[in-house]
Amino acid sequence: MTDNLKMSLSISRVHCNIEGDYVSIEVKDENACVKLLRLKMSMENFAQAITGLHSTECVGEVSGLDKVGKKHENRDFSFELPEGTKFRDKTAAAKAVMEACPKGWTPDISFSSQNSFYSADGKEWARTIIRRWVEIEE
């Protein structure tokens, strides 16, 4: 178990025409930059919870537990696209970055930035962000 983590809590009201309004509660590990817990509860259940009801129903999602207590690092990463790759071909770029990415890093394969693709030295290139989570040194 990890103690004394720098965490943040976010509570917000979400307006939804389909399901009705609800409250969203998120818990984030600030060093890891990971949302660990997302809860969704009705407005009525939230009101009961904050006014002292011992146990209140909600639905939740837990993620990123393998990153808890670690430090998030990221950096820009540029790589050459294989010859013949069509400019802005996200599928080919995703395959190429998975092969070129340094071990231990995870690339963002969305390539949604305006500057994700470019030409230099007569070749086609792509850039993205790569991430990793490392142990925090005391």
N, C-alpha and C. Protein backbone atom coordinates (compact mmCIF):
# COMPACT_ATOMS: atom_id res chain seq x y z
N MET A 1 0.84 -1.19 0.00
CA MET A 1 0.00 0.00 0.00
C MET A 1 0.88 1.24 0.00
N THR A 2 0.49 2.22 -0.77
CA THR A 2 1.25 3.47 -0.87
C THR A 2 0.56 4.54 -0.04
N ASP A 3 1.35 5.20 0.81
CA ASP A 3 0.80 6.23 1.70
C ASP A 3 1.16 7.63 1.20
N ASN A 4 0.40 8.60 1.66
CA ASN A 4 0.69 10.01 1.46
C ASN A 4 0.90 10.42 0.00
N LEU A 5 0.07 9.90 -0.88
CA LEU A 5 0.13 10.28 -2.27
C LEU A 5 -0.49 11.66 -2.45
N LYS A 6 0.04 12.42 -3.38
CA LYS A 6 -0.56 13.71 -3.72
C LYS A 6 -1.73 13.42 -4.66
N MET A 7 -2.94 13.61 -4.14
CA MET A 7 -4.14 13.26 -4.89
C MET A 7 -5.00 14.50 -5.12
N SER A 8 -5.93 14.40 -6.05
CA SER A 8 -6.92 15.45 -6.22
C SER A 8 -8.29 14.81 -6.37
N LEU A 9 -9.30 15.53 -5.93
CA LEU A 9 -10.68 15.08 -5.98
C LEU A 9 -11.48 16.09 -6.78
N SER A 10 -12.25 15.60 -7.72
CA SER A 10 -13.09 16.47 -8.53
C SER A 10 -14.53 15.98 -8.43
N ILE A 11 -15.43 16.89 -8.05
CA ILE A 11 -16.86 16.57 -7.98
C ILE A 11 -17.57 17.55 -8.89
N SER A 12 -18.33 17.04 -9.83
CA SER A 12 -19.02 17.93 -10.76
C SER A 12 -20.42 17.41 -11.08
N ARG A 13 -21.29 18.34 -11.36
CA ARG A 13 -22.64 18.01 -11.80
C ARG A 13 -22.63 17.95 -13.32
N VAL A 14 -23.17 16.87 -13.85
CA VAL A 14 -23.21 16.67 -15.29
C VAL A 14 -24.66 16.73 -15.75
N HIS A 15 -24.90 17.60 -16.72
CA HIS A 15 -26.26 17.70 -17.28
C HIS A 15 -26.36 16.75 -18.47
N CYS A 16 -27.37 15.88 -18.43
CA CYS A 16 -27.55 14.90 -19.48
C CYS A 16 -29.04 14.79 -19.80
N ASN A 17 -29.40 15.11 -21.03
CA ASN A 17 -30.80 15.06 -21.44
C ASN A 17 -31.34 13.63 -21.50
N ILE A 18 -30.49 12.68 -21.78
CA ILE A 18 -30.92 11.30 -21.95
C ILE A 18 -31.10 10.60 -20.61
N GLU A 19 -30.05 10.60 -19.78
CA GLU A 19 -30.08 9.87 -18.51
C GLU A 19 -30.57 10.73 -17.34
N GLY A 20 -30.61 12.00 -17.52
CA GLY A 20 -30.90 12.91 -16.42
C GLY A 20 -29.58 13.36 -15.80
N ASP A 21 -29.63 14.42 -15.01
CA ASP A 21 -28.43 14.95 -14.38
C ASP A 21 -27.86 13.94 -13.39
N TYR A 22 -26.55 13.97 -13.24
CA TYR A 22 -25.89 13.10 -12.27
C TYR A 22 -24.63 13.80 -11.76
N VAL A 23 -24.03 13.22 -10.74
CA VAL A 23 -22.80 13.74 -10.17
C VAL A 23 -21.66 12.82 -10.57
N SER A 24 -20.56 13.41 -11.01
CA SER A 24 -19.36 12.66 -11.37
C SER A 24 -18.28 13.00 -10.33
N ILE A 25 -17.68 11.96 -9.78
CA ILE A 25 -16.61 12.13 -8.80
C ILE A 25 -15.38 11.42 -9.33
N GLU A 26 -14.25 12.14 -9.41
CA GLU A 26 -13.01 11.55 -9.92
C GLU A 26 -11.89 11.75 -8.91
N VAL A 27 -11.07 10.73 -8.76
CA VAL A 27 -9.89 10.79 -7.89
C VAL A 27 -8.68 10.59 -8.80
N LYS A 28 -7.70 11.50 -8.65
CA LYS A 28 -6.53 11.47 -9.52
C LYS A 28 -5.25 11.46 -8.69
N ASP A 29 -4.29 10.62 -9.10
CA ASP A 29 -2.94 10.63 -8.54
C ASP A 29 -2.20 11.71 -9.31
N GLU A 30 -1.82 12.79 -8.63
CA GLU A 30 -1.22 13.94 -9.29
C GLU A 30 0.16 13.64 -9.88
N ASN A 31 0.99 12.86 -9.20
CA ASN A 31 2.33 12.55 -9.74
C ASN A 31 2.25 11.66 -10.96
N ALA A 32 1.34 10.71 -10.93
CA ALA A 32 1.20 9.78 -12.05
C ALA A 32 0.35 10.36 -13.17
N CYS A 33 -0.37 11.45 -12.89
CA CYS A 33 -1.28 12.06 -13.88
C CYS A 33 -2.30 11.04 -14.38
N VAL A 34 -2.85 10.26 -13.44
CA VAL A 34 -3.78 9.20 -13.79
C VAL A 34 -5.05 9.33 -12.95
N LYS A 35 -6.19 9.27 -13.61
CA LYS A 35 -7.46 9.19 -12.89
C LYS A 35 -7.65 7.75 -12.46
N LEU A 36 -7.69 7.55 -11.15
CA LEU A 36 -7.77 6.20 -10.60
C LEU A 36 -9.20 5.72 -10.43
N LEU A 37 -10.07 6.64 -10.10
CA LEU A 37 -11.44 6.26 -9.76
C LEU A 37 -12.41 7.27 -10.35
N ARG A 38 -13.43 6.77 -11.01
CA ARG A 38 -14.52 7.59 -11.52
C ARG A 38 -15.82 7.01 -10.98
N LEU A 39 -16.58 7.83 -10.29
CA LEU A 39 -17.88 7.40 -9.77
C LEU A 39 -18.96 8.24 -10.42
N LYS A 40 -20.11 7.62 -10.60
CA LYS A 40 -21.27 8.30 -11.17
C LYS A 40 -22.46 7.97 -10.27
N MET A 41 -23.14 9.01 -9.80
CA MET A 41 -24.28 8.77 -8.93
C MET A 41 -25.39 9.78 -9.22
N SER A 42 -26.61 9.36 -8.93
CA SER A 42 -27.76 10.24 -9.15
C SER A 42 -27.66 11.44 -8.22
N MET A 43 -28.35 12.50 -8.58
CA MET A 43 -28.37 13.70 -7.74
C MET A 43 -28.95 13.36 -6.36
N GLU A 44 -29.97 12.54 -6.35
CA GLU A 44 -30.60 12.15 -5.08
C GLU A 44 -29.62 11.37 -4.19
N ASN A 45 -28.92 10.40 -4.77
CA ASN A 45 -27.95 9.62 -3.99
C ASN A 45 -26.80 10.49 -3.50
N PHE A 46 -26.36 11.44 -4.31
CA PHE A 46 -25.29 12.34 -3.88
C PHE A 46 -25.75 13.18 -2.69
N ALA A 47 -26.96 13.70 -2.78
CA ALA A 47 -27.50 14.49 -1.66
C ALA A 47 -27.56 13.66 -0.39
N GLN A 48 -27.96 12.40 -0.50
CA GLN A 48 -28.01 11.53 0.67
C GLN A 48 -26.60 11.28 1.22
N ALA A 49 -25.64 11.10 0.34
CA ALA A 49 -24.26 10.82 0.77
C ALA A 49 -23.66 11.99 1.54
N ILE A 50 -23.85 13.22 1.02
CA ILE A 50 -23.22 14.36 1.69
C ILE A 50 -23.98 14.82 2.92
N THR A 51 -25.19 14.28 3.12
CA THR A 51 -25.93 14.63 4.34
C THR A 51 -25.91 13.50 5.37
N GLY A 52 -25.01 12.53 5.16
CA GLY A 52 -24.76 11.57 6.22
C GLY A 52 -25.24 10.15 6.04
N LEU A 53 -25.87 9.79 4.92
CA LEU A 53 -26.27 8.40 4.72
C LEU A 53 -25.01 7.54 4.64
N HIS A 54 -24.97 6.48 5.42
CA HIS A 54 -23.77 5.67 5.57
C HIS A 54 -23.28 5.04 4.26
N SER A 55 -24.15 4.44 3.49
CA SER A 55 -23.76 3.76 2.27
C SER A 55 -24.71 4.16 1.15
N THR A 56 -24.14 4.71 0.08
CA THR A 56 -24.96 5.24 -1.01
C THR A 56 -24.56 4.57 -2.31
N GLU A 57 -25.54 4.17 -3.09
CA GLU A 57 -25.30 3.46 -4.34
C GLU A 57 -24.73 4.38 -5.41
N CYS A 58 -23.76 3.83 -6.15
CA CYS A 58 -23.20 4.52 -7.31
C CYS A 58 -22.58 3.47 -8.23
N VAL A 59 -22.19 3.87 -9.41
CA VAL A 59 -21.45 3.00 -10.31
C VAL A 59 -20.07 3.59 -10.49
N GLY A 60 -19.08 2.74 -10.73
CA GLY A 60 -17.72 3.26 -10.81
C GLY A 60 -16.84 2.54 -11.79
N GLU A 61 -15.70 3.15 -12.01
CA GLU A 61 -14.68 2.60 -12.89
C GLU A 61 -13.33 2.86 -12.22
N VAL A 62 -12.53 1.82 -12.12
CA VAL A 62 -11.19 1.93 -11.56
C VAL A 62 -10.20 1.68 -12.69
N SER A 63 -9.15 2.50 -12.77
CA SER A 63 -8.15 2.31 -13.81
C SER A 63 -6.81 2.85 -13.34
N GLY A 64 -5.76 2.47 -14.03
CA GLY A 64 -4.43 3.00 -13.76
C GLY A 64 -3.80 2.57 -12.46
N LEU A 65 -4.30 1.50 -11.85
CA LEU A 65 -3.76 1.09 -10.55
C LEU A 65 -2.28 0.71 -10.63
N ASP A 66 -1.83 0.25 -11.79
CA ASP A 66 -0.42 -0.10 -11.94
C ASP A 66 0.48 1.12 -11.94
N LYS A 67 -0.11 2.31 -12.05
CA LYS A 67 0.66 3.56 -12.09
C LYS A 67 0.63 4.33 -10.77
N VAL A 68 -0.16 3.86 -9.82
CA VAL A 68 -0.31 4.56 -8.54
C VAL A 68 1.04 4.66 -7.85
N GLY A 69 1.35 5.86 -7.36
CA GLY A 69 2.59 6.08 -6.63
C GLY A 69 3.82 6.25 -7.51
N LYS A 70 3.63 6.27 -8.82
CA LYS A 70 4.75 6.48 -9.74
C LYS A 70 4.72 7.90 -10.29
N LYS A 71 5.79 8.28 -10.93
CA LYS A 71 5.90 9.61 -11.53
C LYS A 71 5.69 9.49 -13.04
N HIS A 72 4.85 10.35 -13.57
CA HIS A 72 4.58 10.38 -15.00
C HIS A 72 5.65 11.23 -15.69
N GLU A 73 6.23 10.67 -16.75
CA GLU A 73 7.17 11.41 -17.58
C GLU A 73 6.66 11.35 -19.01
N ASN A 74 6.88 12.43 -19.76
CA ASN A 74 6.55 12.40 -21.18
C ASN A 74 7.55 13.25 -21.95
N ARG A 75 7.63 12.97 -23.24
CA ARG A 75 8.51 13.76 -24.10
C ARG A 75 8.02 13.64 -25.53
N ASP A 76 8.42 14.61 -26.34
CA ASP A 76 8.12 14.57 -27.77
C ASP A 76 8.96 13.48 -28.42
N PHE A 77 8.39 12.85 -29.42
CA PHE A 77 9.10 11.78 -30.12
C PHE A 77 8.78 11.91 -31.61
N SER A 78 9.83 12.10 -32.42
CA SER A 78 9.68 12.16 -33.88
C SER A 78 10.29 10.92 -34.49
N PHE A 79 9.67 10.46 -35.57
CA PHE A 79 10.16 9.25 -36.23
C PHE A 79 9.83 9.32 -37.71
N GLU A 80 10.69 8.69 -38.50
CA GLU A 80 10.50 8.67 -39.94
C GLU A 80 9.43 7.67 -40.31
N LEU A 81 8.55 8.06 -41.21
CA LEU A 81 7.53 7.14 -41.70
C LEU A 81 8.14 6.26 -42.79
N PRO A 82 7.69 5.03 -42.89
CA PRO A 82 8.23 4.14 -43.93
C PRO A 82 8.00 4.74 -45.32
N GLU A 83 8.96 4.50 -46.20
CA GLU A 83 8.87 5.01 -47.57
C GLU A 83 7.57 4.54 -48.20
N GLY A 84 6.90 5.43 -48.90
CA GLY A 84 5.65 5.10 -49.56
C GLY A 84 4.43 5.34 -48.69
N THR A 85 4.63 5.71 -47.43
CA THR A 85 3.49 6.00 -46.55
C THR A 85 2.85 7.29 -47.01
N LYS A 86 1.55 7.27 -47.15
CA LYS A 86 0.83 8.47 -47.54
C LYS A 86 0.82 9.46 -46.37
N PHE A 87 1.00 10.72 -46.69
CA PHE A 87 1.02 11.78 -45.69
C PHE A 87 -0.27 11.71 -44.87
N ARG A 88 -0.14 11.78 -43.56
CA ARG A 88 -1.25 11.76 -42.60
C ARG A 88 -1.97 10.40 -42.51
N ASP A 89 -1.31 9.33 -42.89
CA ASP A 89 -1.88 7.99 -42.76
C ASP A 89 -1.70 7.53 -41.31
N LYS A 90 -2.73 7.72 -40.50
CA LYS A 90 -2.63 7.45 -39.06
C LYS A 90 -2.39 5.98 -38.76
N THR A 91 -2.94 5.08 -39.55
CA THR A 91 -2.75 3.65 -39.31
C THR A 91 -1.30 3.27 -39.52
N ALA A 92 -0.71 3.74 -40.61
CA ALA A 92 0.71 3.43 -40.87
C ALA A 92 1.60 4.10 -39.83
N ALA A 93 1.27 5.30 -39.43
CA ALA A 93 2.06 6.00 -38.42
C ALA A 93 2.00 5.27 -37.09
N ALA A 94 0.83 4.77 -36.73
CA ALA A 94 0.69 4.04 -35.47
C ALA A 94 1.57 2.79 -35.48
N LYS A 95 1.59 2.07 -36.59
CA LYS A 95 2.43 0.88 -36.70
C LYS A 95 3.91 1.25 -36.63
N ALA A 96 4.29 2.33 -37.31
CA ALA A 96 5.69 2.76 -37.33
C ALA A 96 6.15 3.21 -35.95
N VAL A 97 5.32 3.94 -35.22
CA VAL A 97 5.74 4.42 -33.90
C VAL A 97 5.86 3.27 -32.91
N MET A 98 5.02 2.26 -33.03
CA MET A 98 5.12 1.11 -32.13
C MET A 98 6.46 0.39 -32.34
N GLU A 99 6.95 0.38 -33.56
CA GLU A 99 8.24 -0.26 -33.85
C GLU A 99 9.41 0.62 -33.43
N ALA A 100 9.26 1.95 -33.52
CA ALA A 100 10.37 2.87 -33.25
C ALA A 100 10.43 3.34 -31.79
N CYS A 101 9.37 3.16 -31.06
CA CYS A 101 9.28 3.69 -29.69
C CYS A 101 10.30 3.01 -28.77
N PRO A 102 11.02 3.80 -27.97
CA PRO A 102 11.98 3.20 -27.03
C PRO A 102 11.28 2.28 -26.04
N LYS A 103 11.99 1.24 -25.64
CA LYS A 103 11.45 0.27 -24.70
C LYS A 103 11.07 0.95 -23.38
N GLY A 104 9.91 0.56 -22.85
CA GLY A 104 9.44 1.12 -21.59
C GLY A 104 8.56 2.34 -21.74
N TRP A 105 8.45 2.86 -22.94
CA TRP A 105 7.62 4.04 -23.21
C TRP A 105 6.37 3.61 -23.95
N THR A 106 5.30 4.39 -23.79
CA THR A 106 4.03 4.14 -24.47
C THR A 106 3.71 5.35 -25.34
N PRO A 107 3.54 5.15 -26.65
CA PRO A 107 3.26 6.29 -27.53
C PRO A 107 1.77 6.63 -27.59
N ASP A 108 1.49 7.90 -27.81
CA ASP A 108 0.13 8.34 -28.10
C ASP A 108 -0.05 8.11 -29.60
N ILE A 109 -1.00 7.27 -29.97
CA ILE A 109 -1.16 6.93 -31.39
C ILE A 109 -2.34 7.63 -32.05
N SER A 110 -2.85 8.70 -31.42
CA SER A 110 -4.00 9.39 -32.02
C SER A 110 -3.57 10.33 -33.15
N PHE A 111 -2.37 10.88 -33.08
CA PHE A 111 -1.87 11.81 -34.10
C PHE A 111 -2.91 12.88 -34.43
N SER A 112 -3.48 13.48 -33.39
CA SER A 112 -4.56 14.44 -33.58
C SER A 112 -4.08 15.89 -33.63
N SER A 113 -2.81 16.12 -33.38
CA SER A 113 -2.28 17.49 -33.42
C SER A 113 -2.12 17.94 -34.86
N GLN A 114 -2.26 19.22 -35.06
CA GLN A 114 -2.07 19.79 -36.39
C GLN A 114 -0.64 19.56 -36.88
N ASN A 115 0.30 19.47 -35.96
CA ASN A 115 1.71 19.31 -36.31
C ASN A 115 2.19 17.86 -36.21
N SER A 116 1.28 16.89 -36.24
CA SER A 116 1.68 15.49 -36.10
C SER A 116 2.49 14.98 -37.28
N PHE A 117 2.27 15.53 -38.46
CA PHE A 117 2.96 15.05 -39.66
C PHE A 117 3.68 16.21 -40.32
N TYR A 118 4.89 15.93 -40.81
CA TYR A 118 5.66 16.98 -41.47
C TYR A 118 6.69 16.35 -42.41
N SER A 119 7.26 17.18 -43.28
CA SER A 119 8.31 16.75 -44.21
C SER A 119 9.61 17.42 -43.82
N ALA A 120 10.71 16.67 -43.89
CA ALA A 120 12.04 17.21 -43.63
C ALA A 120 13.05 16.35 -44.37
N ASP A 121 14.04 16.98 -44.96
CA ASP A 121 15.11 16.28 -45.67
C ASP A 121 14.56 15.33 -46.73
N GLY A 122 13.45 15.73 -47.38
CA GLY A 122 12.87 14.91 -48.44
C GLY A 122 12.16 13.66 -47.95
N LYS A 123 11.93 13.57 -46.64
CA LYS A 123 11.27 12.39 -46.07
C LYS A 123 10.02 12.82 -45.31
N GLU A 124 9.14 11.86 -45.10
CA GLU A 124 7.93 12.11 -44.31
C GLU A 124 8.17 11.67 -42.88
N TRP A 125 7.78 12.51 -41.94
CA TRP A 125 7.98 12.28 -40.52
C TRP A 125 6.67 12.44 -39.77
N ALA A 126 6.63 11.87 -38.60
CA ALA A 126 5.49 12.06 -37.70
C ALA A 126 6.05 12.33 -36.31
N ARG A 127 5.26 13.02 -35.50
CA ARG A 127 5.66 13.26 -34.11
C ARG A 127 4.48 12.99 -33.21
N THR A 128 4.81 12.58 -32.01
CA THR A 128 3.79 12.30 -31.02
C THR A 128 4.40 12.50 -29.64
N ILE A 129 3.64 12.18 -28.64
CA ILE A 129 4.11 12.21 -27.26
C ILE A 129 4.29 10.75 -26.81
N ILE A 130 5.39 10.47 -26.13
CA ILE A 130 5.55 9.16 -25.52
C ILE A 130 5.57 9.35 -24.01
N ARG A 131 5.07 8.34 -23.29
CA ARG A 131 4.92 8.43 -21.84
C ARG A 131 5.47 7.19 -21.17
N ARG A 132 5.86 7.40 -19.92
CA ARG A 132 6.21 6.26 -19.08
C ARG A 132 5.98 6.67 -17.62
N TRP A 133 5.89 5.66 -16.79
CA TRP A 133 5.69 5.87 -15.36
C TRP A 133 6.84 5.19 -14.64
N VAL A 134 7.54 5.97 -13.82
CA VAL A 134 8.73 5.45 -13.13
C VAL A 134 8.57 5.59 -11.63
N GLU A 135 9.31 4.76 -10.91
CA GLU A 135 9.30 4.84 -9.45
C GLU A 135 9.80 6.20 -9.01
N ILE A 136 9.22 6.74 -7.98
CA ILE A 136 9.64 8.03 -7.42
C ILE A 136 10.82 7.79 -6.48
N GLU A 137 11.89 8.52 -6.74
CA GLU A 137 13.07 8.38 -5.87
C GLU A 137 12.89 9.31 -4.68
N GLU A 138 13.18 8.80 -3.52
CA GLU A 138 13.02 9.58 -2.27
C GLU A 138 14.11 10.61 -2.15
